[in-house]
């Protein structure tokens, strides 16, 4: 059996109770929806792809190869951050 427990401080609980009717969700449903959204976000942040041996060797060779000159990147990195201008 699945037991759902969520501990929040009073302020967050009050805000959640006020927002519930707007979205027509009960507290339990909101908690589950938030947990599911977070779980989906975590899973989608992971990247998996499958390569055969030849493609994997090609991929790792590209990662291991020395960087090629990139004038645009060099210009971008040469720009001083706005919060450091004049410092």
N, C-alpha and C. Protein backbone atom coordinates (compact mmCIF):
# COMPACT_ATOMS: atom_id res chain seq x y z
N UNK A 1 0.83 -1.19 0.00
CA UNK A 1 0.00 0.00 0.00
C UNK A 1 0.88 1.24 0.00
N UNK A 2 0.50 2.23 -0.77
CA UNK A 2 1.25 3.47 -0.89
C UNK A 2 0.74 4.47 0.14
N UNK A 3 1.64 4.99 0.96
CA UNK A 3 1.28 6.01 1.94
C UNK A 3 1.96 7.30 1.54
N UNK A 4 1.19 8.37 1.46
CA UNK A 4 1.73 9.66 1.05
C UNK A 4 1.86 10.56 2.27
N UNK A 5 3.08 11.00 2.55
CA UNK A 5 3.30 11.91 3.66
C UNK A 5 4.09 13.11 3.16
N UNK A 6 3.65 14.28 3.51
CA UNK A 6 4.33 15.49 3.09
C UNK A 6 4.33 16.46 4.26
N UNK A 7 5.49 16.87 4.70
CA UNK A 7 5.57 17.83 5.80
C UNK A 7 5.97 19.18 5.21
N UNK A 8 5.17 20.19 5.51
CA UNK A 8 5.48 21.54 5.05
C UNK A 8 5.29 22.49 6.22
N UNK A 9 5.87 23.67 6.10
CA UNK A 9 5.62 24.66 7.14
C UNK A 9 4.24 25.28 6.90
N UNK A 10 3.73 25.98 7.89
CA UNK A 10 2.37 26.52 7.81
C UNK A 10 2.18 27.48 6.64
N UNK A 11 3.17 28.28 6.37
CA UNK A 11 3.03 29.26 5.29
C UNK A 11 2.89 28.57 3.94
N UNK A 12 3.71 27.57 3.69
CA UNK A 12 3.61 26.85 2.41
C UNK A 12 2.29 26.10 2.33
N UNK A 13 1.88 25.52 3.44
CA UNK A 13 0.62 24.78 3.44
C UNK A 13 -0.56 25.72 3.18
N UNK A 14 -0.52 26.90 3.79
CA UNK A 14 -1.58 27.89 3.57
C UNK A 14 -1.63 28.31 2.09
N UNK A 15 -0.46 28.58 1.51
CA UNK A 15 -0.41 28.97 0.09
C UNK A 15 -0.95 27.85 -0.79
N UNK A 16 -0.58 26.63 -0.46
CA UNK A 16 -1.07 25.48 -1.24
C UNK A 16 -2.58 25.35 -1.12
N UNK A 17 -3.11 25.56 0.09
CA UNK A 17 -4.56 25.47 0.28
C UNK A 17 -5.29 26.57 -0.48
N UNK A 18 -4.69 27.75 -0.55
CA UNK A 18 -5.31 28.86 -1.29
C UNK A 18 -5.27 28.60 -2.79
N UNK A 19 -4.19 27.99 -3.27
CA UNK A 19 -4.03 27.75 -4.71
C UNK A 19 -4.86 26.56 -5.18
N UNK A 20 -5.16 25.65 -4.29
CA UNK A 20 -5.88 24.43 -4.66
C UNK A 20 -7.16 24.67 -5.42
N UNK A 21 -8.07 25.50 -4.89
CA UNK A 21 -9.33 25.73 -5.60
C UNK A 21 -9.13 26.35 -6.98
N UNK A 22 -8.09 27.13 -7.14
CA UNK A 22 -7.83 27.74 -8.45
C UNK A 22 -7.58 26.66 -9.50
N UNK A 23 -6.82 25.65 -9.10
CA UNK A 23 -6.51 24.56 -10.03
C UNK A 23 -7.45 23.37 -9.86
N UNK A 24 -8.42 23.52 -8.95
CA UNK A 24 -9.40 22.47 -8.67
C UNK A 24 -8.72 21.16 -8.27
N UNK A 25 -7.73 21.27 -7.40
CA UNK A 25 -7.03 20.08 -6.92
C UNK A 25 -7.13 19.99 -5.41
N UNK A 26 -7.34 18.81 -4.91
CA UNK A 26 -7.30 18.58 -3.48
C UNK A 26 -5.83 18.56 -3.05
N UNK A 27 -5.58 18.77 -1.74
CA UNK A 27 -4.21 18.80 -1.23
C UNK A 27 -3.46 17.54 -1.62
N UNK A 28 -4.06 16.40 -1.43
CA UNK A 28 -3.40 15.13 -1.75
C UNK A 28 -3.03 15.08 -3.23
N UNK A 29 -3.95 15.51 -4.08
CA UNK A 29 -3.69 15.49 -5.52
C UNK A 29 -2.58 16.47 -5.90
N UNK A 30 -2.56 17.66 -5.26
CA UNK A 30 -1.50 18.64 -5.52
C UNK A 30 -0.15 18.07 -5.14
N UNK A 31 -0.09 17.43 -3.98
CA UNK A 31 1.18 16.86 -3.51
C UNK A 31 1.67 15.79 -4.48
N UNK A 32 0.75 14.93 -4.89
CA UNK A 32 1.14 13.87 -5.83
C UNK A 32 1.57 14.46 -7.17
N UNK A 33 0.83 15.47 -7.62
CA UNK A 33 1.18 16.09 -8.90
C UNK A 33 2.55 16.75 -8.82
N UNK A 34 2.84 17.44 -7.72
CA UNK A 34 4.15 18.07 -7.56
C UNK A 34 5.26 17.03 -7.52
N UNK A 35 5.02 15.93 -6.81
CA UNK A 35 6.03 14.88 -6.73
C UNK A 35 6.25 14.25 -8.10
N UNK A 36 5.18 14.03 -8.83
CA UNK A 36 5.31 13.44 -10.17
C UNK A 36 6.04 14.39 -11.12
N UNK A 37 5.73 15.69 -11.02
CA UNK A 37 6.43 16.66 -11.86
C UNK A 37 7.93 16.66 -11.56
N UNK A 38 8.28 16.63 -10.28
CA UNK A 38 9.69 16.61 -9.89
C UNK A 38 10.36 15.32 -10.37
N UNK A 39 9.69 14.19 -10.20
CA UNK A 39 10.26 12.91 -10.64
C UNK A 39 10.47 12.91 -12.14
N UNK A 40 9.51 13.43 -12.88
CA UNK A 40 9.65 13.49 -14.33
C UNK A 40 10.81 14.39 -14.71
N UNK A 41 10.96 15.51 -14.04
CA UNK A 41 12.05 16.42 -14.31
C UNK A 41 13.40 15.75 -14.08
N UNK A 42 13.51 15.02 -12.98
CA UNK A 42 14.76 14.31 -12.68
C UNK A 42 15.06 13.28 -13.75
N UNK A 43 14.05 12.52 -14.16
CA UNK A 43 14.27 11.49 -15.17
C UNK A 43 14.61 12.10 -16.53
N UNK A 44 13.96 13.20 -16.87
CA UNK A 44 14.23 13.82 -18.17
C UNK A 44 15.58 14.51 -18.22
N UNK A 45 16.15 14.82 -17.06
CA UNK A 45 17.47 15.43 -17.03
C UNK A 45 18.57 14.41 -17.35
N UNK A 46 18.23 13.14 -17.31
CA UNK A 46 19.20 12.11 -17.62
C UNK A 46 19.18 11.86 -19.13
N UNK A 47 20.33 11.56 -19.68
CA UNK A 47 20.42 11.33 -21.12
C UNK A 47 20.98 9.93 -21.35
N UNK A 48 20.30 9.17 -22.16
CA UNK A 48 20.77 7.83 -22.52
C UNK A 48 20.69 7.68 -24.03
N UNK A 49 21.75 7.18 -24.60
CA UNK A 49 21.69 6.83 -26.01
C UNK A 49 22.56 5.60 -26.22
N UNK A 50 22.19 4.83 -27.20
CA UNK A 50 22.86 3.56 -27.46
C UNK A 50 23.63 3.65 -28.77
N UNK A 51 24.88 3.20 -28.74
CA UNK A 51 25.72 3.20 -29.94
C UNK A 51 26.35 1.83 -30.13
N UNK A 52 26.50 1.44 -31.38
CA UNK A 52 27.25 0.21 -31.61
C UNK A 52 28.74 0.51 -31.39
N UNK A 53 29.60 -0.52 -31.43
CA UNK A 53 31.02 -0.34 -31.11
C UNK A 53 31.70 0.69 -32.01
N UNK A 54 31.43 0.66 -33.29
CA UNK A 54 32.08 1.58 -34.22
C UNK A 54 31.66 3.03 -33.93
N UNK A 55 30.37 3.25 -33.73
CA UNK A 55 29.87 4.60 -33.45
C UNK A 55 30.38 5.09 -32.10
N UNK A 56 30.49 4.17 -31.12
CA UNK A 56 31.01 4.56 -29.81
C UNK A 56 32.47 5.00 -29.92
N UNK A 57 33.27 4.27 -30.69
CA UNK A 57 34.68 4.65 -30.89
C UNK A 57 34.77 6.01 -31.58
N UNK A 58 33.91 6.24 -32.58
CA UNK A 58 33.88 7.53 -33.28
C UNK A 58 33.49 8.65 -32.31
N UNK A 59 32.51 8.40 -31.48
CA UNK A 59 32.05 9.38 -30.51
C UNK A 59 33.15 9.72 -29.51
N UNK A 60 33.80 8.71 -28.95
CA UNK A 60 34.86 8.97 -27.96
C UNK A 60 36.06 9.63 -28.62
N UNK A 61 36.33 9.34 -29.88
CA UNK A 61 37.43 10.00 -30.58
C UNK A 61 37.14 11.49 -30.72
N UNK A 62 35.89 11.83 -31.00
CA UNK A 62 35.52 13.25 -31.10
C UNK A 62 35.68 13.94 -29.75
N UNK A 63 35.29 13.26 -28.67
CA UNK A 63 35.44 13.85 -27.34
C UNK A 63 36.91 14.03 -26.96
N UNK A 64 37.75 13.08 -27.38
CA UNK A 64 39.16 13.11 -27.02
C UNK A 64 40.00 14.00 -27.93
N UNK A 65 39.46 14.37 -29.08
CA UNK A 65 40.22 15.17 -30.05
C UNK A 65 40.49 16.56 -29.48
N UNK A 66 41.64 17.15 -29.87
CA UNK A 66 41.91 18.52 -29.42
C UNK A 66 40.86 19.49 -29.96
N UNK A 67 40.62 20.53 -29.21
CA UNK A 67 39.64 21.52 -29.64
C UNK A 67 40.11 22.26 -30.88
N UNK A 68 39.18 22.53 -31.75
CA UNK A 68 39.48 23.32 -32.94
C UNK A 68 39.32 24.79 -32.59
N UNK A 69 40.09 25.67 -33.23
CA UNK A 69 39.92 27.10 -32.96
C UNK A 69 38.48 27.53 -33.25
N UNK A 70 37.95 28.39 -32.37
CA UNK A 70 36.60 28.88 -32.53
C UNK A 70 36.62 30.39 -32.25
N UNK A 71 36.81 31.19 -33.31
CA UNK A 71 36.93 32.64 -33.12
C UNK A 71 35.72 33.26 -32.41
N UNK A 72 34.51 32.79 -32.72
CA UNK A 72 33.32 33.34 -32.09
C UNK A 72 33.33 33.10 -30.58
N UNK A 73 33.72 31.90 -30.17
CA UNK A 73 33.80 31.58 -28.75
C UNK A 73 34.88 32.40 -28.07
N UNK A 74 36.01 32.57 -28.76
CA UNK A 74 37.09 33.37 -28.19
C UNK A 74 36.66 34.82 -27.98
N UNK A 75 35.90 35.39 -28.95
CA UNK A 75 35.38 36.75 -28.79
C UNK A 75 34.42 36.83 -27.60
N UNK A 76 33.55 35.84 -27.50
CA UNK A 76 32.58 35.81 -26.41
C UNK A 76 33.28 35.74 -25.06
N UNK A 77 34.27 34.90 -24.93
CA UNK A 77 34.97 34.75 -23.67
C UNK A 77 35.83 35.96 -23.34
N UNK A 78 36.17 36.76 -24.35
CA UNK A 78 36.98 37.96 -24.12
C UNK A 78 36.15 39.13 -23.60
N UNK A 79 34.81 39.06 -23.74
CA UNK A 79 33.94 40.14 -23.28
C UNK A 79 33.89 40.11 -21.76
N UNK A 80 34.11 41.28 -21.17
CA UNK A 80 34.07 41.38 -19.71
C UNK A 80 32.62 41.36 -19.24
N UNK A 81 32.36 40.65 -18.17
CA UNK A 81 31.01 40.58 -17.60
C UNK A 81 30.57 41.98 -17.20
N UNK A 82 29.30 42.31 -17.42
CA UNK A 82 28.80 43.66 -17.11
C UNK A 82 29.05 44.05 -15.65
N UNK A 83 29.01 43.12 -14.74
CA UNK A 83 29.22 43.46 -13.33
C UNK A 83 30.69 43.63 -13.00
N UNK A 84 31.58 43.29 -13.97
CA UNK A 84 33.02 43.47 -13.74
C UNK A 84 33.60 44.64 -14.52
N UNK A 85 32.78 45.27 -15.36
CA UNK A 85 33.25 46.41 -16.15
C UNK A 85 33.60 47.54 -15.19
N UNK A 86 34.79 48.08 -15.37
CA UNK A 86 35.27 49.17 -14.51
C UNK A 86 35.87 48.68 -13.20
N UNK A 87 35.91 47.37 -13.01
CA UNK A 87 36.48 46.85 -11.76
C UNK A 87 37.96 46.62 -11.89
